Structures are given as C-alpha cells and as structure tokens.
Amino acid sequence: AVRGIVERIIQNSRKLAIGKYSSRALKSILDASHVDRQKLISQALAKEAVLLSVDPNGAVVIQWILDSNLPGKIGMITGQLQGRLAQVALTKQGSVIVARIVGSSDEPSYREAAILELYDLDTNSSNTAIDGFKTTNWLDSLLAEPSTCSILFKAFQVSKPAIRIRLSEKLKPKLLKLLKEITGESNEKVLAALQPAQRDQMIPVHLMKLYQELISESK
C-alpha cells in the first residue's frame, strides 16, 4: 500500500509541488519518509527543477531537497538547471535556490560549474530561456539586481584563487561600465580616490562589496 502511494506521489509530483497546500503536504511526507523514498520522490521533483524553482510553492520542495542529507542533492538540482541558472536566479523564488547552491560546501564541482555558468564562463551552457528563447547579457542583469549581485559576490568569495581570477576578469569591466552609468565616472583612480562617504553616496549598497573586492582592494 505504501509503495502504491509513493508511486502515485511520483507520478503526480509536479502537480503536488505547485499546489499551495499540497506542496506543504509533500514536504511533510518527505520529512517523514525513509531515505530511499525521499530519494525516489526527490529525483522525480528534480526533473521539474526549472519550473518548480521559480514557483512560490514548488520552490519549497526544491529547497527541502537542497537542505536535506540526500547524497548527490546539489548535482540532482544543478544538473536540471544547467543552462538556465541565470534566468532562474532573476526570479524571487529562484534567487533563493541559486544562492543555496552557490553557498553550499557540498559537491564543490557542481557548485563551481554553477558559478562559471552565472559568470558566463561555462562554454557548455546555452543560456536557453525557460520559454525556449535564447538570450544574452545574463551577467549584466545579474549584476544590476541587488539579490543576484549578492549571489555573484558570494560566488566570488567561495571560489578557488585560480577561478577567482577568471571571475574578476569577466566581471570587472562590466562593473566599471555600470558604475560609470550610475556615477558618471569611469576612471578607476578617481573612484578609488573618493572619500568613503562620497563613495557610499554614489555607489549603491549592492554594488559596494563588489567594488571594494574587485577595484578598491586591488589597488
């Protein structure tokens, strides 16, 4: 009987995950299930990770998977989000999911792959949009939004030194371009020479940490 129930849950996992009440019920079922059943249900949910990660209710169960003790959980989700991480991150719910992946110390190879994709350094990523429309300039969009800018900063912090060099080379010119648009000043030396109070007034909070990390501290 239990096996039949689990099979029905797996067959209807997407529908259950996007329901306001059924998603909470599904989370409770996962909490109470044996690890083998948790894995089976989670694998079914992971197949819908792109759509669930941007859904207010679906994100609840994807977050459960990422917070669980299931082996291979990071790869389970990032494997499905590959090529669409940036677009997912630019949604309210998705930004939490992507931030969790970037901030995880589990399965570092998957985390590194996710970071390279966010920084548009993953040559295997197509950046295909959820609706099938291919677009570019994801990194510019990620940099401009406070929530995703913080993800870029965290990604920079947790990366290995060799990777960090690549991230800096990719992001620094984009950051300078954005700062020029905001402050009207593109000269790094002029920006660095400003008094702290002046910089705080000119540069938005969500860009300040990156500015200090990539420009100010590098001087």
C-alpha atoms as a PDB file:
ATOM      1  CA  ALA A   1       0.000   0.000   0.000  1.00  0.00           C
ATOM      2  CA  VAL A   2       2.797   2.390   0.912  1.00  0.00           C
ATOM      3  CA  ARG A   3       4.602   1.576  -2.318  1.00  0.00           C
ATOM      4  CA  GLY A   4       1.466   2.399  -4.291  1.00  0.00           C
ATOM      5  CA  ILE A   5       1.113   5.722  -2.516  1.00  0.00           C
ATOM      6  CA  VAL A   6       4.736   6.599  -3.254  1.00  0.00           C
ATOM      7  CA  GLU A   7       4.248   5.703  -6.912  1.00  0.00           C
ATOM      8  CA  ARG A   8       1.196   7.965  -7.106  1.00  0.00           C
ATOM      9  CA  ILE A   9       3.161  10.778  -5.495  1.00  0.00           C
ATOM     10  CA  ILE A  10       5.968  10.332  -8.012  1.00  0.00           C
ATOM     11  CA  GLN A  11       3.524  10.264 -10.933  1.00  0.00           C
ATOM     12  CA  ASN A  12       1.883  13.486  -9.709  1.00  0.00           C
ATOM     13  CA  SER A  13       4.946  15.145  -8.175  1.00  0.00           C
ATOM     14  CA  ARG A  14       4.835  18.262 -10.343  1.00  0.00           C
ATOM     15  CA  LYS A  15       1.134  18.857  -9.708  1.00  0.00           C
ATOM     16  CA  LEU A  16       1.548  18.302  -5.973  1.00  0.00           C
ATOM     17  CA  ALA A  17       4.622  20.552  -5.777  1.00  0.00           C
ATOM     18  CA  ILE A  18       2.931  23.610  -7.284  1.00  0.00           C
ATOM     19  CA  GLY A  19      -0.200  23.425  -5.139  1.00  0.00           C
ATOM     20  CA  LYS A  20      -0.387  25.829  -2.209  1.00  0.00           C
ATOM     21  CA  TYR A  21      -1.383  23.180   0.309  1.00  0.00           C
ATOM     22  CA  SER A  22      -0.203  20.039  -1.457  1.00  0.00           C
ATOM     23  CA  SER A  23       3.375  21.369  -1.601  1.00  0.00           C
ATOM     24  CA  ARG A  24       3.406  21.656   2.203  1.00  0.00           C
ATOM     25  CA  ALA A  25       1.878  18.201   2.483  1.00  0.00           C
ATOM     26  CA  LEU A  26       4.529  16.883   0.120  1.00  0.00           C
ATOM     27  CA  LYS A  27       7.243  18.454   2.251  1.00  0.00           C
ATOM     28  CA  SER A  28       5.770  16.766   5.348  1.00  0.00           C
ATOM     29  CA  ILE A  29       5.728  13.430   3.525  1.00  0.00           C
ATOM     30  CA  LEU A  30       9.378  13.876   2.608  1.00  0.00           C
ATOM     31  CA  ASP A  31      10.229  14.723   6.215  1.00  0.00           C
ATOM     32  CA  ALA A  32       8.546  11.540   7.463  1.00  0.00           C
ATOM     33  CA  SER A  33       9.766   9.174   4.740  1.00  0.00           C
ATOM     34  CA  HIS A  34      12.630   6.701   4.732  1.00  0.00           C
ATOM     35  CA  VAL A  35      15.705   7.937   2.887  1.00  0.00           C
ATOM     36  CA  ASP A  36      15.074   5.564  -0.040  1.00  0.00           C
ATOM     37  CA  ARG A  37      11.594   7.014  -0.581  1.00  0.00           C
ATOM     38  CA  GLN A  38      12.941  10.528  -0.121  1.00  0.00           C
ATOM     39  CA  LYS A  39      15.425   9.877  -2.907  1.00  0.00           C
ATOM     40  CA  LEU A  40      12.795   8.481  -5.288  1.00  0.00           C
ATOM     41  CA  ILE A  41      10.431  11.408  -4.744  1.00  0.00           C
ATOM     42  CA  SER A  42      13.260  13.951  -4.903  1.00  0.00           C
ATOM     43  CA  GLN A  43      14.527  12.540  -8.194  1.00  0.00           C
ATOM     44  CA  ALA A  44      11.042  12.954  -9.672  1.00  0.00           C
ATOM     45  CA  LEU A  45      10.822  16.518  -8.382  1.00  0.00           C
ATOM     46  CA  ALA A  46      14.318  17.360  -9.637  1.00  0.00           C
ATOM     47  CA  LYS A  47      13.235  16.604 -13.204  1.00  0.00           C
ATOM     48  CA  GLU A  48      10.919  19.630 -12.909  1.00  0.00           C
ATOM     49  CA  ALA A  49      13.505  21.785 -11.125  1.00  0.00           C
ATOM     50  CA  VAL A  50      13.434  24.668 -13.620  1.00  0.00           C
ATOM     51  CA  LEU A  51       9.708  25.257 -13.304  1.00  0.00           C
ATOM     52  CA  LEU A  52       9.484  24.410  -9.600  1.00  0.00           C
ATOM     53  CA  SER A  53      12.378  26.713  -8.660  1.00  0.00           C
ATOM     54  CA  VAL A  54      10.538  29.770  -9.972  1.00  0.00           C
ATOM     55  CA  ASP A  55       7.177  28.791  -8.496  1.00  0.00           C
ATOM     56  CA  PRO A  56       6.341  30.047  -4.968  1.00  0.00           C
ATOM     57  CA  ASN A  57       5.131  26.617  -3.888  1.00  0.00           C
ATOM     58  CA  GLY A  58       7.470  24.485  -5.962  1.00  0.00           C
ATOM     59  CA  ALA A  59      10.467  26.310  -4.547  1.00  0.00           C
ATOM     60  CA  VAL A  60       9.537  24.984  -1.107  1.00  0.00           C
ATOM     61  CA  VAL A  61      10.172  21.375  -2.107  1.00  0.00           C
ATOM     62  CA  ILE A  62      13.303  22.197  -4.116  1.00  0.00           C
ATOM     63  CA  GLN A  63      14.630  23.991  -1.051  1.00  0.00           C
ATOM     64  CA  TRP A  64      13.819  20.903   1.004  1.00  0.00           C
ATOM     65  CA  ILE A  65      15.964  18.780  -1.304  1.00  0.00           C
ATOM     66  CA  LEU A  66      18.882  21.206  -1.069  1.00  0.00           C
ATOM     67  CA  ASP A  67      18.617  21.312   2.723  1.00  0.00           C
ATOM     68  CA  SER A  68      18.329  17.542   3.069  1.00  0.00           C
ATOM     69  CA  ASN A  69      21.041  14.989   3.763  1.00  0.00           C
ATOM     70  CA  LEU A  70      20.428  13.172   0.498  1.00  0.00           C
ATOM     71  CA  PRO A  71      23.677  12.262  -1.287  1.00  0.00           C
ATOM     72  CA  GLY A  72      24.102  13.989  -4.631  1.00  0.00           C
ATOM     73  CA  LYS A  73      21.427  16.611  -3.886  1.00  0.00           C
ATOM     74  CA  ILE A  74      23.351  19.539  -5.395  1.00  0.00           C
ATOM     75  CA  GLY A  75      24.085  17.687  -8.611  1.00  0.00           C
ATOM     76  CA  MET A  76      20.489  16.471  -8.715  1.00  0.00           C
ATOM     77  CA  ILE A  77      19.195  20.048  -8.922  1.00  0.00           C
ATOM     78  CA  THR A  78      22.007  21.879 -10.734  1.00  0.00           C
ATOM     79  CA  GLY A  79      22.051  19.224 -13.432  1.00  0.00           C
ATOM     80  CA  GLN A  80      18.480  20.144 -14.298  1.00  0.00           C
ATOM     81  CA  LEU A  81      19.071  23.897 -14.004  1.00  0.00           C
ATOM     82  CA  GLN A  82      22.149  23.864 -16.235  1.00  0.00           C
ATOM     83  CA  GLY A  83      21.881  26.482 -18.965  1.00  0.00           C
ATOM     84  CA  ARG A  84      19.087  28.288 -17.111  1.00  0.00           C
ATOM     85  CA  LEU A  85      20.639  29.175 -13.772  1.00  0.00           C
ATOM     86  CA  ALA A  86      20.778  32.897 -14.500  1.00  0.00           C
ATOM     87  CA  GLN A  87      17.166  33.113 -15.558  1.00  0.00           C
ATOM     88  CA  VAL A  88      16.079  31.147 -12.503  1.00  0.00           C
ATOM     89  CA  ALA A  89      18.194  33.394 -10.271  1.00  0.00           C
ATOM     90  CA  LEU A  90      16.487  36.502 -11.644  1.00  0.00           C
ATOM     91  CA  THR A  91      13.160  35.418 -10.122  1.00  0.00           C
ATOM     92  CA  LYS A  92      12.200  35.984  -6.493  1.00  0.00           C
ATOM     93  CA  GLN A  93      11.989  32.314  -5.577  1.00  0.00           C
ATOM     94  CA  GLY A  94      14.752  31.176  -7.888  1.00  0.00           C
ATOM     95  CA  SER A  95      17.305  33.560  -6.404  1.00  0.00           C
ATOM     96  CA  VAL A  96      16.981  31.737  -3.074  1.00  0.00           C
ATOM     97  CA  ILE A  97      17.553  28.382  -4.761  1.00  0.00           C
ATOM     98  CA  VAL A  98      20.612  29.556  -6.699  1.00  0.00           C
ATOM     99  CA  ALA A  99      22.026  31.294  -3.627  1.00  0.00           C
ATOM    100  CA  ARG A 100      21.713  27.994  -1.741  1.00  0.00           C
ATOM    101  CA  ILE A 101      23.617  26.170  -4.482  1.00  0.00           C
ATOM    102  CA  VAL A 102      26.393  28.772  -4.588  1.00  0.00           C
ATOM    103  CA  GLY A 103      26.680  28.849  -0.808  1.00  0.00           C
ATOM    104  CA  SER A 104      26.843  25.076  -0.392  1.00  0.00           C
ATOM    105  CA  SER A 105      30.058  23.342   0.601  1.00  0.00           C
ATOM    106  CA  ASP A 106      28.697  20.019  -0.673  1.00  0.00           C
ATOM    107  CA  GLU A 107      29.665  18.695  -4.091  1.00  0.00           C
ATOM    108  CA  PRO A 108      32.106  21.545  -4.926  1.00  0.00           C
ATOM    109  CA  SER A 109      32.444  20.509  -8.570  1.00  0.00           C
ATOM    110  CA  TYR A 110      28.740  21.200  -9.176  1.00  0.00           C
ATOM    111  CA  ARG A 111      28.946  24.467  -7.279  1.00  0.00           C
ATOM    112  CA  GLU A 112      31.933  25.529  -9.376  1.00  0.00           C
ATOM    113  CA  ALA A 113      30.089  24.658 -12.594  1.00  0.00           C
ATOM    114  CA  ALA A 114      27.113  26.735 -11.433  1.00  0.00           C
ATOM    115  CA  ILE A 115      29.372  29.693 -10.647  1.00  0.00           C
ATOM    116  CA  LEU A 116      31.082  29.535 -14.038  1.00  0.00           C
ATOM    117  CA  GLU A 117      27.690  29.493 -15.719  1.00  0.00           C
ATOM    118  CA  LEU A 118      26.463  32.507 -13.743  1.00  0.00           C
ATOM    119  CA  TYR A 119      29.606  34.392 -14.761  1.00  0.00           C
ATOM    120  CA  ASP A 120      29.043  33.328 -18.380  1.00  0.00           C
ATOM    121  CA  LEU A 121      32.290  31.351 -18.386  1.00  0.00           C
ATOM    122  CA  ASP A 122      30.728  27.951 -18.994  1.00  0.00           C
ATOM    123  CA  THR A 123      31.212  27.213 -22.684  1.00  0.00           C
ATOM    124  CA  ASN A 124      28.842  24.243 -22.446  1.00  0.00           C
ATOM    125  CA  SER A 125      25.944  26.404 -21.283  1.00  0.00           C
ATOM    126  CA  SER A 126      23.468  27.644 -23.848  1.00  0.00           C
ATOM    127  CA  ASN A 127      21.679  30.083 -21.517  1.00  0.00           C
ATOM    128  CA  THR A 128      18.418  28.919 -23.022  1.00  0.00           C
ATOM    129  CA  ALA A 129      15.420  30.682 -21.547  1.00  0.00           C
ATOM    130  CA  ILE A 130      12.605  28.766 -19.892  1.00  0.00           C
ATOM    131  CA  ASP A 131      10.274  29.548 -22.794  1.00  0.00           C
ATOM    132  CA  GLY A 132      12.870  28.374 -25.309  1.00  0.00           C
ATOM    133  CA  PHE A 133      14.084  31.844 -26.291  1.00  0.00           C
ATOM    134  CA  LYS A 134      17.846  32.175 -26.264  1.00  0.00           C
ATOM    135  CA  THR A 135      19.103  35.430 -24.836  1.00  0.00           C
ATOM    136  CA  THR A 136      22.389  37.022 -23.803  1.00  0.00           C
ATOM    137  CA  ASN A 137      23.717  39.531 -21.268  1.00  0.00           C
ATOM    138  CA  TRP A 138      22.578  37.499 -18.278  1.00  0.00           C
ATOM    139  CA  LEU A 139      25.603  38.692 -16.325  1.00  0.00           C
ATOM    140  CA  ASP A 140      24.657  42.334 -16.822  1.00  0.00           C
ATOM    141  CA  SER A 141      21.176  41.596 -15.483  1.00  0.00           C
ATOM    142  CA  LEU A 142      22.541  39.640 -12.515  1.00  0.00           C
ATOM    143  CA  LEU A 143      24.895  42.478 -11.644  1.00  0.00           C
ATOM    144  CA  ALA A 144      22.138  45.090 -11.751  1.00  0.00           C
ATOM    145  CA  GLU A 145      19.787  43.354  -9.292  1.00  0.00           C
ATOM    146  CA  PRO A 146      20.604  43.550  -5.553  1.00  0.00           C
ATOM    147  CA  SER A 147      19.638  39.929  -4.790  1.00  0.00           C
ATOM    148  CA  THR A 148      21.599  38.416  -7.667  1.00  0.00           C
ATOM    149  CA  CYS A 149      24.505  40.805  -7.246  1.00  0.00           C
ATOM    150  CA  SER A 150      24.912  39.355  -3.754  1.00  0.00           C
ATOM    151  CA  ILE A 151      24.999  35.877  -5.309  1.00  0.00           C
ATOM    152  CA  LEU A 152      27.803  36.980  -7.652  1.00  0.00           C
ATOM    153  CA  PHE A 153      29.711  38.357  -4.667  1.00  0.00           C
ATOM    154  CA  LYS A 154      29.261  35.144  -2.678  1.00  0.00           C
ATOM    155  CA  ALA A 155      30.315  33.124  -5.716  1.00  0.00           C
ATOM    156  CA  PHE A 156      33.476  35.206  -5.988  1.00  0.00           C
ATOM    157  CA  GLN A 157      34.266  34.724  -2.300  1.00  0.00           C
ATOM    158  CA  VAL A 158      33.890  30.938  -2.235  1.00  0.00           C
ATOM    159  CA  SER A 159      35.789  30.248  -5.464  1.00  0.00           C
ATOM    160  CA  LYS A 160      39.337  28.945  -5.660  1.00  0.00           C
ATOM    161  CA  PRO A 161      42.023  31.597  -6.353  1.00  0.00           C
ATOM    162  CA  ALA A 162      42.540  30.431  -9.947  1.00  0.00           C
ATOM    163  CA  ILE A 163      38.805  30.595 -10.639  1.00  0.00           C
ATOM    164  CA  ARG A 164      38.541  33.935  -8.853  1.00  0.00           C
ATOM    165  CA  ILE A 165      40.991  35.459 -11.333  1.00  0.00           C
ATOM    166  CA  ARG A 166      38.743  34.398 -14.212  1.00  0.00           C
ATOM    167  CA  LEU A 167      35.660  35.727 -12.441  1.00  0.00           C
ATOM    168  CA  SER A 168      37.342  39.067 -11.796  1.00  0.00           C
ATOM    169  CA  GLU A 169      38.472  39.415 -15.416  1.00  0.00           C
ATOM    170  CA  LYS A 170      34.915  38.748 -16.569  1.00  0.00           C
ATOM    171  CA  LEU A 171      33.072  40.911 -14.068  1.00  0.00           C
ATOM    172  CA  LYS A 172      35.356  43.899 -13.529  1.00  0.00           C
ATOM    173  CA  PRO A 173      34.742  45.621 -16.903  1.00  0.00           C
ATOM    174  CA  LYS A 174      31.007  45.101 -16.538  1.00  0.00           C
ATOM    175  CA  LEU A 175      31.088  46.545 -13.026  1.00  0.00           C
ATOM    176  CA  LEU A 176      33.072  49.571 -14.213  1.00  0.00           C
ATOM    177  CA  LYS A 177      30.591  50.116 -17.032  1.00  0.00           C
ATOM    178  CA  LEU A 178      27.680  50.002 -14.602  1.00  0.00           C
ATOM    179  CA  LEU A 179      29.439  52.331 -12.152  1.00  0.00           C
ATOM    180  CA  LYS A 180      30.086  54.765 -14.993  1.00  0.00           C
ATOM    181  CA  GLU A 181      26.377  54.804 -15.811  1.00  0.00           C
ATOM    182  CA  ILE A 182      25.492  55.348 -12.150  1.00  0.00           C
ATOM    183  CA  THR A 183      28.192  57.797 -11.073  1.00  0.00           C
ATOM    184  CA  GLY A 184      29.245  59.362 -14.377  1.00  0.00           C
ATOM    185  CA  GLU A 185      32.855  58.430 -13.565  1.00  0.00           C
ATOM    186  CA  SER A 186      34.697  55.604 -15.336  1.00  0.00           C
ATOM    187  CA  ASN A 187      38.242  56.317 -14.117  1.00  0.00           C
ATOM    188  CA  GLU A 188      39.228  53.708 -11.518  1.00  0.00           C
ATOM    189  CA  LYS A 189      41.756  56.027  -9.880  1.00  0.00           C
ATOM    190  CA  VAL A 190      39.200  58.790  -9.451  1.00  0.00           C
ATOM    191  CA  LEU A 191      36.720  56.353  -7.901  1.00  0.00           C
ATOM    192  CA  ALA A 192      39.394  54.972  -5.577  1.00  0.00           C
ATOM    193  CA  ALA A 193      40.423  58.491  -4.540  1.00  0.00           C
ATOM    194  CA  LEU A 194      36.933  59.418  -3.383  1.00  0.00           C
ATOM    195  CA  GLN A 195      36.314  59.743   0.314  1.00  0.00           C
ATOM    196  CA  PRO A 196      34.413  56.776   1.805  1.00  0.00           C
ATOM    197  CA  ALA A 197      31.375  58.949   2.451  1.00  0.00           C
ATOM    198  CA  GLN A 198      31.359  60.081  -1.189  1.00  0.00           C
ATOM    199  CA  ARG A 199      31.601  56.512  -2.480  1.00  0.00           C
ATOM    200  CA  ASP A 200      28.842  55.382  -0.162  1.00  0.00           C
ATOM    201  CA  GLN A 201      26.629  58.120  -1.517  1.00  0.00           C
ATOM    202  CA  MET A 202      27.420  57.470  -5.174  1.00  0.00           C
ATOM    203  CA  ILE A 203      27.590  53.666  -5.280  1.00  0.00           C
ATOM    204  CA  PRO A 204      24.503  51.566  -4.401  1.00  0.00           C
ATOM    205  CA  VAL A 205      24.899  49.226  -1.435  1.00  0.00           C
ATOM    206  CA  HIS A 206      24.526  46.058  -3.509  1.00  0.00           C
ATOM    207  CA  LEU A 207      27.477  47.097  -5.705  1.00  0.00           C
ATOM    208  CA  MET A 208      29.743  48.366  -2.941  1.00  0.00           C
ATOM    209  CA  LYS A 209      31.066  44.981  -1.820  1.00  0.00           C
ATOM    210  CA  LEU A 210      31.959  44.016  -5.362  1.00  0.00           C
ATOM    211  CA  TYR A 211      33.521  47.416  -5.943  1.00  0.00           C
ATOM    212  CA  GLN A 212      35.688  47.014  -2.846  1.00  0.00           C
ATOM    213  CA  GLU A 213      36.637  43.459  -3.795  1.00  0.00           C
ATOM    214  CA  LEU A 214      37.369  43.967  -7.495  1.00  0.00           C
ATOM    215  CA  ILE A 215      38.503  47.562  -7.740  1.00  0.00           C
ATOM    216  CA  SER A 216      39.273  49.330  -4.473  1.00  0.00           C
ATOM    217  CA  GLU A 217      41.089  46.471  -2.719  1.00  0.00           C
ATOM    218  CA  SER A 218      43.032  45.555  -5.855  1.00  0.00           C
ATOM    219  CA  LYS A 219      44.813  48.878  -5.864  1.00  0.00           C
END
